[in-house]
Amino acid sequence: AGFVPEVLEMDLIDEVIPVSDDDALRTARKLASTEGILGGISAGANVHAALDLAARPEMAGGRIVTVICDSGDRYMSLPFFAT
């Protein structure tokens, strides 16, 4: 989002995984079409980063949790989910 809230405690963050807008949109569309989860762009970014993390060899057999933090319903009138 380009800003850092005053309440953010950076020492609690292990890593920031950058995700492009295109990857976030593509993942949000895939969530909707394959899993039936209508998440927004932030949700797509979170899931994309979680999948990248899960693909790392050191994460084999591990557990990863992410949050679907926004809904895609506000994007329904836009070409967001257009095929």
PDB file of N, CA and C in Angstrom:
ATOM      1  N   ALA A   1       0.826  -1.195   0.000  1.00  0.00           N
ATOM      2  CA  ALA A   1       0.000   0.000   0.000  1.00  0.00           C
ATOM      3  C   ALA A   1       0.864   1.251   0.000  1.00  0.00           C
ATOM      4  N   GLY A   2       2.131   1.123   0.305  1.00  0.00           N
ATOM      5  CA  GLY A   2       3.017   2.275   0.235  1.00  0.00           C
ATOM      6  C   GLY A   2       3.108   3.092   1.508  1.00  0.00           C
ATOM      7  N   PHE A   3       2.510   2.641   2.585  1.00  0.00           N
ATOM      8  CA  PHE A   3       2.619   3.360   3.848  1.00  0.00           C
ATOM      9  C   PHE A   3       2.879   2.362   4.966  1.00  0.00           C
ATOM     10  N   VAL A   4       3.443   2.850   6.053  1.00  0.00           N
ATOM     11  CA  VAL A   4       3.721   2.005   7.210  1.00  0.00           C
ATOM     12  C   VAL A   4       2.964   2.584   8.400  1.00  0.00           C
ATOM     13  N   PRO A   5       1.980   1.856   8.934  1.00  0.00           N
ATOM     14  CA  PRO A   5       1.225   2.356  10.080  1.00  0.00           C
ATOM     15  C   PRO A   5       2.121   2.509  11.309  1.00  0.00           C
ATOM     16  N   GLU A   6       1.809   3.471  12.135  1.00  0.00           N
ATOM     17  CA  GLU A   6       2.597   3.711  13.349  1.00  0.00           C
ATOM     18  C   GLU A   6       2.588   2.515  14.289  1.00  0.00           C
ATOM     19  N   VAL A   7       1.542   1.719  14.264  1.00  0.00           N
ATOM     20  CA  VAL A   7       1.422   0.588  15.191  1.00  0.00           C
ATOM     21  C   VAL A   7       2.161  -0.662  14.709  1.00  0.00           C
ATOM     22  N   LEU A   8       2.737  -0.615  13.512  1.00  0.00           N
ATOM     23  CA  LEU A   8       3.437  -1.776  12.969  1.00  0.00           C
ATOM     24  C   LEU A   8       4.724  -2.041  13.740  1.00  0.00           C
ATOM     25  N   GLU A   9       4.877  -3.262  14.208  1.00  0.00           N
ATOM     26  CA  GLU A   9       6.085  -3.670  14.921  1.00  0.00           C
ATOM     27  C   GLU A   9       6.933  -4.504  13.968  1.00  0.00           C
ATOM     28  N   MET A  10       7.905  -3.869  13.325  1.00  0.00           N
ATOM     29  CA  MET A  10       8.720  -4.519  12.300  1.00  0.00           C
ATOM     30  C   MET A  10       9.487  -5.730  12.830  1.00  0.00           C
ATOM     31  N   ASP A  11       9.798  -5.761  14.117  1.00  0.00           N
ATOM     32  CA  ASP A  11      10.540  -6.894  14.665  1.00  0.00           C
ATOM     33  C   ASP A  11       9.690  -8.175  14.700  1.00  0.00           C
ATOM     34  N   LEU A  12       8.385  -8.060  14.467  1.00  0.00           N
ATOM     35  CA  LEU A  12       7.516  -9.234  14.417  1.00  0.00           C
ATOM     36  C   LEU A  12       7.418  -9.822  13.009  1.00  0.00           C
ATOM     37  N   ILE A  13       7.969  -9.123  12.025  1.00  0.00           N
ATOM     38  CA  ILE A  13       7.869  -9.550  10.633  1.00  0.00           C
ATOM     39  C   ILE A  13       9.130 -10.305  10.238  1.00  0.00           C
ATOM     40  N   ASP A  14       8.948 -11.537   9.771  1.00  0.00           N
ATOM     41  CA  ASP A  14      10.082 -12.349   9.337  1.00  0.00           C
ATOM     42  C   ASP A  14      10.551 -11.965   7.942  1.00  0.00           C
ATOM     43  N   GLU A  15       9.603 -11.665   7.056  1.00  0.00           N
ATOM     44  CA  GLU A  15       9.956 -11.417   5.662  1.00  0.00           C
ATOM     45  C   GLU A  15       8.800 -10.708   4.963  1.00  0.00           C
ATOM     46  N   VAL A  16       9.131  -9.871   4.010  1.00  0.00           N
ATOM     47  CA  VAL A  16       8.135  -9.265   3.123  1.00  0.00           C
ATOM     48  C   VAL A  16       8.363  -9.863   1.736  1.00  0.00           C
ATOM     49  N   ILE A  17       7.332 -10.450   1.177  1.00  0.00           N
ATOM     50  CA  ILE A  17       7.431 -11.075  -0.141  1.00  0.00           C
ATOM     51  C   ILE A  17       6.726 -10.168  -1.146  1.00  0.00           C
ATOM     52  N   PRO A  18       7.478  -9.553  -2.047  1.00  0.00           N
ATOM     53  CA  PRO A  18       6.833  -8.671  -3.028  1.00  0.00           C
ATOM     54  C   PRO A  18       6.018  -9.473  -4.044  1.00  0.00           C
ATOM     55  N   VAL A  19       4.858  -8.939  -4.414  1.00  0.00           N
ATOM     56  CA  VAL A  19       3.972  -9.564  -5.399  1.00  0.00           C
ATOM     57  C   VAL A  19       3.545  -8.483  -6.384  1.00  0.00           C
ATOM     58  N   SER A  20       3.690  -8.761  -7.662  1.00  0.00           N
ATOM     59  CA  SER A  20       3.294  -7.777  -8.675  1.00  0.00           C
ATOM     60  C   SER A  20       1.768  -7.680  -8.750  1.00  0.00           C
ATOM     61  N   ASP A  21       1.284  -6.560  -9.274  1.00  0.00           N
ATOM     62  CA  ASP A  21      -0.156  -6.388  -9.465  1.00  0.00           C
ATOM     63  C   ASP A  21      -0.718  -7.495 -10.354  1.00  0.00           C
ATOM     64  N   ASP A  22       0.000  -7.811 -11.428  1.00  0.00           N
ATOM     65  CA  ASP A  22      -0.466  -8.855 -12.346  1.00  0.00           C
ATOM     66  C   ASP A  22      -0.594 -10.203 -11.644  1.00  0.00           C
ATOM     67  N   ASP A  23       0.402 -10.556 -10.821  1.00  0.00           N
ATOM     68  CA  ASP A  23       0.340 -11.829 -10.094  1.00  0.00           C
ATOM     69  C   ASP A  23      -0.800 -11.828  -9.082  1.00  0.00           C
ATOM     70  N   ALA A  24      -1.018 -10.697  -8.408  1.00  0.00           N
ATOM     71  CA  ALA A  24      -2.113 -10.599  -7.438  1.00  0.00           C
ATOM     72  C   ALA A  24      -3.465 -10.763  -8.130  1.00  0.00           C
ATOM     73  N   LEU A  25      -3.648 -10.086  -9.263  1.00  0.00           N
ATOM     74  CA  LEU A  25      -4.904 -10.200 -10.014  1.00  0.00           C
ATOM     75  C   LEU A  25      -5.111 -11.616 -10.539  1.00  0.00           C
ATOM     76  N   ARG A  26      -4.063 -12.189 -11.100  1.00  0.00           N
ATOM     77  CA  ARG A  26      -4.148 -13.543 -11.652  1.00  0.00           C
ATOM     78  C   ARG A  26      -4.507 -14.553 -10.549  1.00  0.00           C
ATOM     79  N   THR A  27      -3.900 -14.408  -9.388  1.00  0.00           N
ATOM     80  CA  THR A  27      -4.174 -15.339  -8.288  1.00  0.00           C
ATOM     81  C   THR A  27      -5.584 -15.143  -7.748  1.00  0.00           C
ATOM     82  N   ALA A  28      -6.054 -13.905  -7.665  1.00  0.00           N
ATOM     83  CA  ALA A  28      -7.428 -13.656  -7.211  1.00  0.00           C
ATOM     84  C   ALA A  28      -8.431 -14.285  -8.176  1.00  0.00           C
ATOM     85  N   ARG A  29      -8.181 -14.159  -9.474  1.00  0.00           N
ATOM     86  CA  ARG A  29      -9.064 -14.784 -10.468  1.00  0.00           C
ATOM     87  C   ARG A  29      -9.048 -16.314 -10.326  1.00  0.00           C
ATOM     88  N   LYS A  30      -7.854 -16.857 -10.100  1.00  0.00           N
ATOM     89  CA  LYS A  30      -7.740 -18.312  -9.952  1.00  0.00           C
ATOM     90  C   LYS A  30      -8.459 -18.789  -8.688  1.00  0.00           C
ATOM     91  N   LEU A  31      -8.360 -18.031  -7.605  1.00  0.00           N
ATOM     92  CA  LEU A  31      -9.088 -18.378  -6.378  1.00  0.00           C
ATOM     93  C   LEU A  31     -10.584 -18.455  -6.646  1.00  0.00           C
ATOM     94  N   ALA A  32     -11.089 -17.492  -7.411  1.00  0.00           N
ATOM     95  CA  ALA A  32     -12.523 -17.462  -7.712  1.00  0.00           C
ATOM     96  C   ALA A  32     -12.922 -18.621  -8.617  1.00  0.00           C
ATOM     97  N   SER A  33     -12.134 -18.873  -9.644  1.00  0.00           N
ATOM     98  CA  SER A  33     -12.531 -19.881 -10.635  1.00  0.00           C
ATOM     99  C   SER A  33     -12.287 -21.318 -10.183  1.00  0.00           C
ATOM    100  N   THR A  34     -11.267 -21.552  -9.374  1.00  0.00           N
ATOM    101  CA  THR A  34     -10.952 -22.932  -8.988  1.00  0.00           C
ATOM    102  C   THR A  34     -11.378 -23.297  -7.572  1.00  0.00           C
ATOM    103  N   GLU A  35     -11.432 -22.311  -6.681  1.00  0.00           N
ATOM    104  CA  GLU A  35     -11.756 -22.600  -5.282  1.00  0.00           C
ATOM    105  C   GLU A  35     -13.092 -22.010  -4.842  1.00  0.00           C
ATOM    106  N   GLY A  36     -13.681 -21.139  -5.681  1.00  0.00           N
ATOM    107  CA  GLY A  36     -14.944 -20.505  -5.310  1.00  0.00           C
ATOM    108  C   GLY A  36     -14.790 -19.447  -4.235  1.00  0.00           C
ATOM    109  N   ILE A  37     -13.584 -18.922  -4.077  1.00  0.00           N
ATOM    110  CA  ILE A  37     -13.316 -17.885  -3.074  1.00  0.00           C
ATOM    111  C   ILE A  37     -13.236 -16.547  -3.791  1.00  0.00           C
ATOM    112  N   LEU A  38     -14.193 -15.657  -3.506  1.00  0.00           N
ATOM    113  CA  LEU A  38     -14.237 -14.360  -4.158  1.00  0.00           C
ATOM    114  C   LEU A  38     -13.464 -13.346  -3.312  1.00  0.00           C
ATOM    115  N   GLY A  39     -12.158 -13.392  -3.445  1.00  0.00           N
ATOM    116  CA  GLY A  39     -11.300 -12.453  -2.736  1.00  0.00           C
ATOM    117  C   GLY A  39     -10.888 -11.323  -3.652  1.00  0.00           C
ATOM    118  N   GLY A  40     -10.415 -10.254  -3.073  1.00  0.00           N
ATOM    119  CA  GLY A  40      -9.967  -9.111  -3.856  1.00  0.00           C
ATOM    120  C   GLY A  40      -8.488  -9.187  -4.196  1.00  0.00           C
ATOM    121  N   ILE A  41      -7.955  -8.055  -4.607  1.00  0.00           N
ATOM    122  CA  ILE A  41      -6.562  -7.992  -5.039  1.00  0.00           C
ATOM    123  C   ILE A  41      -5.606  -8.286  -3.881  1.00  0.00           C
ATOM    124  N   SER A  42      -5.896  -7.778  -2.693  1.00  0.00           N
ATOM    125  CA  SER A  42      -5.037  -8.057  -1.534  1.00  0.00           C
ATOM    126  C   SER A  42      -5.045  -9.541  -1.194  1.00  0.00           C
ATOM    127  N   ALA A  43      -6.204 -10.158  -1.306  1.00  0.00           N
ATOM    128  CA  ALA A  43      -6.292 -11.601  -1.067  1.00  0.00           C
ATOM    129  C   ALA A  43      -5.446 -12.360  -2.080  1.00  0.00           C
ATOM    130  N   GLY A  44      -5.508 -11.937  -3.338  1.00  0.00           N
ATOM    131  CA  GLY A  44      -4.689 -12.566  -4.369  1.00  0.00           C
ATOM    132  C   GLY A  44      -3.212 -12.430  -4.075  1.00  0.00           C
ATOM    133  N   ALA A  45      -2.805 -11.257  -3.603  1.00  0.00           N
ATOM    134  CA  ALA A  45      -1.398 -11.037  -3.258  1.00  0.00           C
ATOM    135  C   ALA A  45      -0.983 -11.928  -2.089  1.00  0.00           C
ATOM    136  N   ASN A  46      -1.825 -12.019  -1.063  1.00  0.00           N
ATOM    137  CA  ASN A  46      -1.497 -12.855   0.097  1.00  0.00           C
ATOM    138  C   ASN A  46      -1.358 -14.319  -0.294  1.00  0.00           C
ATOM    139  N   VAL A  47      -2.295 -14.816  -1.092  1.00  0.00           N
ATOM    140  CA  VAL A  47      -2.255 -16.222  -1.490  1.00  0.00           C
ATOM    141  C   VAL A  47      -1.065 -16.481  -2.411  1.00  0.00           C
ATOM    142  N   HIS A  48      -0.789 -15.558  -3.324  1.00  0.00           N
ATOM    143  CA  HIS A  48       0.364 -15.725  -4.215  1.00  0.00           C
ATOM    144  C   HIS A  48       1.654 -15.825  -3.390  1.00  0.00           C
ATOM    145  N   ALA A  49       1.826 -14.943  -2.411  1.00  0.00           N
ATOM    146  CA  ALA A  49       3.022 -14.979  -1.562  1.00  0.00           C
ATOM    147  C   ALA A  49       3.078 -16.278  -0.761  1.00  0.00           C
ATOM    148  N   ALA A  50       1.936 -16.742  -0.267  1.00  0.00           N
ATOM    149  CA  ALA A  50       1.906 -17.997   0.489  1.00  0.00           C
ATOM    150  C   ALA A  50       2.294 -19.179  -0.397  1.00  0.00           C
ATOM    151  N   LEU A  51       1.833 -19.170  -1.646  1.00  0.00           N
ATOM    152  CA  LEU A  51       2.200 -20.245  -2.578  1.00  0.00           C
ATOM    153  C   LEU A  51       3.687 -20.198  -2.915  1.00  0.00           C
ATOM    154  N   ASP A  52       4.232 -18.996  -3.087  1.00  0.00           N
ATOM    155  CA  ASP A  52       5.677 -18.864  -3.313  1.00  0.00           C
ATOM    156  C   ASP A  52       6.459 -19.424  -2.128  1.00  0.00           C
ATOM    157  N   LEU A  53       6.013 -19.083  -0.932  1.00  0.00           N
ATOM    158  CA  LEU A  53       6.665 -19.572   0.283  1.00  0.00           C
ATOM    159  C   LEU A  53       6.562 -21.096   0.371  1.00  0.00           C
ATOM    160  N   ALA A  54       5.398 -21.635   0.046  1.00  0.00           N
ATOM    161  CA  ALA A  54       5.191 -23.087   0.118  1.00  0.00           C
ATOM    162  C   ALA A  54       6.068 -23.849  -0.871  1.00  0.00           C
ATOM    163  N   ALA A  55       6.460 -23.195  -1.951  1.00  0.00           N
ATOM    164  CA  ALA A  55       7.281 -23.852  -2.974  1.00  0.00           C
ATOM    165  C   ALA A  55       8.752 -23.962  -2.577  1.00  0.00           C
ATOM    166  N   ARG A  56       9.138 -23.311  -1.517  1.00  0.00           N
ATOM    167  CA  ARG A  56      10.536 -23.370  -1.081  1.00  0.00           C
ATOM    168  C   ARG A  56      10.849 -24.744  -0.486  1.00  0.00           C
ATOM    169  N   PRO A  57      12.005 -25.309  -0.844  1.00  0.00           N
ATOM    170  CA  PRO A  57      12.368 -26.640  -0.328  1.00  0.00           C
ATOM    171  C   PRO A  57      12.351 -26.718   1.199  1.00  0.00           C
ATOM    172  N   GLU A  58      12.783 -25.678   1.865  1.00  0.00           N
ATOM    173  CA  GLU A  58      12.828 -25.718   3.334  1.00  0.00           C
ATOM    174  C   GLU A  58      11.441 -25.719   3.969  1.00  0.00           C
ATOM    175  N   MET A  59      10.399 -25.457   3.177  1.00  0.00           N
ATOM    176  CA  MET A  59       9.035 -25.456   3.701  1.00  0.00           C
ATOM    177  C   MET A  59       8.328 -26.795   3.491  1.00  0.00           C
ATOM    178  N   ALA A  60       9.006 -27.749   2.867  1.00  0.00           N
ATOM    179  CA  ALA A  60       8.396 -29.062   2.619  1.00  0.00           C
ATOM    180  C   ALA A  60       7.894 -29.655   3.929  1.00  0.00           C
ATOM    181  N   GLY A  61       6.641 -30.047   3.948  1.00  0.00           N
ATOM    182  CA  GLY A  61       6.044 -30.637   5.140  1.00  0.00           C
ATOM    183  C   GLY A  61       5.605 -29.624   6.177  1.00  0.00           C
ATOM    184  N   GLY A  62       5.850 -28.349   5.920  1.00  0.00           N
ATOM    185  CA  GLY A  62       5.472 -27.306   6.872  1.00  0.00           C
ATOM    186  C   GLY A  62       4.048 -26.821   6.656  1.00  0.00           C
ATOM    187  N   ARG A  63       3.627 -25.911   7.503  1.00  0.00           N
ATOM    188  CA  ARG A  63       2.292 -25.325   7.401  1.00  0.00           C
ATOM    189  C   ARG A  63       2.427 -23.826   7.184  1.00  0.00           C
ATOM    190  N   ILE A  64       1.595 -23.315   6.312  1.00  0.00           N
ATOM    191  CA  ILE A  64       1.582 -21.886   6.009  1.00  0.00           C
ATOM    192  C   ILE A  64       0.148 -21.407   6.152  1.00  0.00           C
ATOM    193  N   VAL A  65      -0.029 -20.291   6.816  1.00  0.00           N
ATOM    194  CA  VAL A  65      -1.355 -19.707   7.006  1.00  0.00           C
ATOM    195  C   VAL A  65      -1.346 -18.312   6.410  1.00  0.00           C
ATOM    196  N   THR A  66      -2.395 -17.974   5.675  1.00  0.00           N
ATOM    197  CA  THR A  66      -2.559 -16.610   5.182  1.00  0.00           C
ATOM    198  C   THR A  66      -3.999 -16.193   5.421  1.00  0.00           C
ATOM    199  N   VAL A  67      -4.272 -14.923   5.224  1.00  0.00           N
ATOM    200  CA  VAL A  67      -5.597 -14.370   5.484  1.00  0.00           C
ATOM    201  C   VAL A  67      -6.184 -13.823   4.189  1.00  0.00           C
ATOM    202  N   ILE A  68      -7.420 -14.189   3.907  1.00  0.00           N
ATOM    203  CA  ILE A  68      -8.156 -13.603   2.792  1.00  0.00           C
ATOM    204  C   ILE A  68      -8.801 -12.339   3.364  1.00  0.00           C
ATOM    205  N   CYS A  69      -8.109 -11.223   3.169  1.00  0.00           N
ATOM    206  CA  CYS A  69      -8.442 -10.011   3.919  1.00  0.00           C
ATOM    207  C   CYS A  69      -9.381  -9.052   3.206  1.00  0.00           C
ATOM    208  N   ASP A  70      -9.791  -9.353   1.993  1.00  0.00           N
ATOM    209  CA  ASP A  70     -10.749  -8.477   1.326  1.00  0.00           C
ATOM    210  C   ASP A  70     -11.629  -9.296   0.399  1.00  0.00           C
ATOM    211  N   SER A  71     -12.759  -8.732   0.063  1.00  0.00           N
ATOM    212  CA  SER A  71     -13.722  -9.412  -0.790  1.00  0.00           C
ATOM    213  C   SER A  71     -13.625  -8.892  -2.214  1.00  0.00           C
ATOM    214  N   GLY A  72     -13.914  -9.750  -3.158  1.00  0.00           N
ATOM    215  CA  GLY A  72     -13.892  -9.352  -4.554  1.00  0.00           C
ATOM    216  C   GLY A  72     -15.198  -8.744  -5.025  1.00  0.00           C
ATOM    217  N   ASP A  73     -16.205  -8.670  -4.149  1.00  0.00           N
ATOM    218  CA  ASP A  73     -17.506  -8.163  -4.591  1.00  0.00           C
ATOM    219  C   ASP A  73     -17.450  -6.722  -5.086  1.00  0.00           C
ATOM    220  N   ARG A  74     -16.551  -5.923  -4.564  1.00  0.00           N
ATOM    221  CA  ARG A  74     -16.457  -4.524  -5.010  1.00  0.00           C
ATOM    222  C   ARG A  74     -15.870  -4.408  -6.416  1.00  0.00           C
ATOM    223  N   TYR A  75     -15.306  -5.488  -6.913  1.00  0.00           N
ATOM    224  CA  TYR A  75     -14.702  -5.472  -8.245  1.00  0.00           C
ATOM    225  C   TYR A  75     -15.627  -6.054  -9.318  1.00  0.00           C
ATOM    226  N   MET A  76     -16.814  -6.487  -8.942  1.00  0.00           N
ATOM    227  CA  MET A  76     -17.696  -7.181  -9.875  1.00  0.00           C
ATOM    228  C   MET A  76     -18.135  -6.305 -11.049  1.00  0.00           C
ATOM    229  N   SER A  77     -18.219  -4.995 -10.875  1.00  0.00           N
ATOM    230  CA  SER A  77     -18.632  -4.113 -11.971  1.00  0.00           C
ATOM    231  C   SER A  77     -17.445  -3.681 -12.835  1.00  0.00           C
ATOM    232  N   LEU A  78     -16.257  -4.112 -12.479  1.00  0.00           N
ATOM    233  CA  LEU A  78     -15.049  -3.779 -13.229  1.00  0.00           C
ATOM    234  C   LEU A  78     -14.601  -4.995 -14.034  1.00  0.00           C
ATOM    235  N   PRO A  79     -13.689  -4.816 -14.969  1.00  0.00           N
ATOM    236  CA  PRO A  79     -13.226  -5.970 -15.753  1.00  0.00           C
ATOM    237  C   PRO A  79     -12.283  -6.892 -14.974  1.00  0.00           C
ATOM    238  N   PHE A  80     -12.276  -6.777 -13.663  1.00  0.00           N
ATOM    239  CA  PHE A  80     -11.393  -7.548 -12.790  1.00  0.00           C
ATOM    240  C   PHE A  80     -11.489  -9.048 -13.041  1.00  0.00           C
ATOM    241  N   PHE A  81     -12.715  -9.564 -13.109  1.00  0.00           N
ATOM    242  CA  PHE A  81     -12.909 -11.000 -13.286  1.00  0.00           C
ATOM    243  C   PHE A  81     -13.283 -11.365 -14.718  1.00  0.00           C
ATOM    244  N   ALA A  82     -13.125 -10.439 -15.641  1.00  0.00           N
ATOM    245  CA  ALA A  82     -13.439 -10.723 -17.048  1.00  0.00           C
ATOM    246  C   ALA A  82     -12.474 -11.774 -17.582  1.00  0.00           C
ATOM    247  N   THR A  83     -12.978 -12.633 -18.427  1.00  0.00           N
ATOM    248  CA  THR A  83     -12.113 -13.670 -19.001  1.00  0.00           C
ATOM    249  C   THR A  83     -11.693 -13.311 -20.404  1.00  0.00           C
TER     250      THR A  83
END
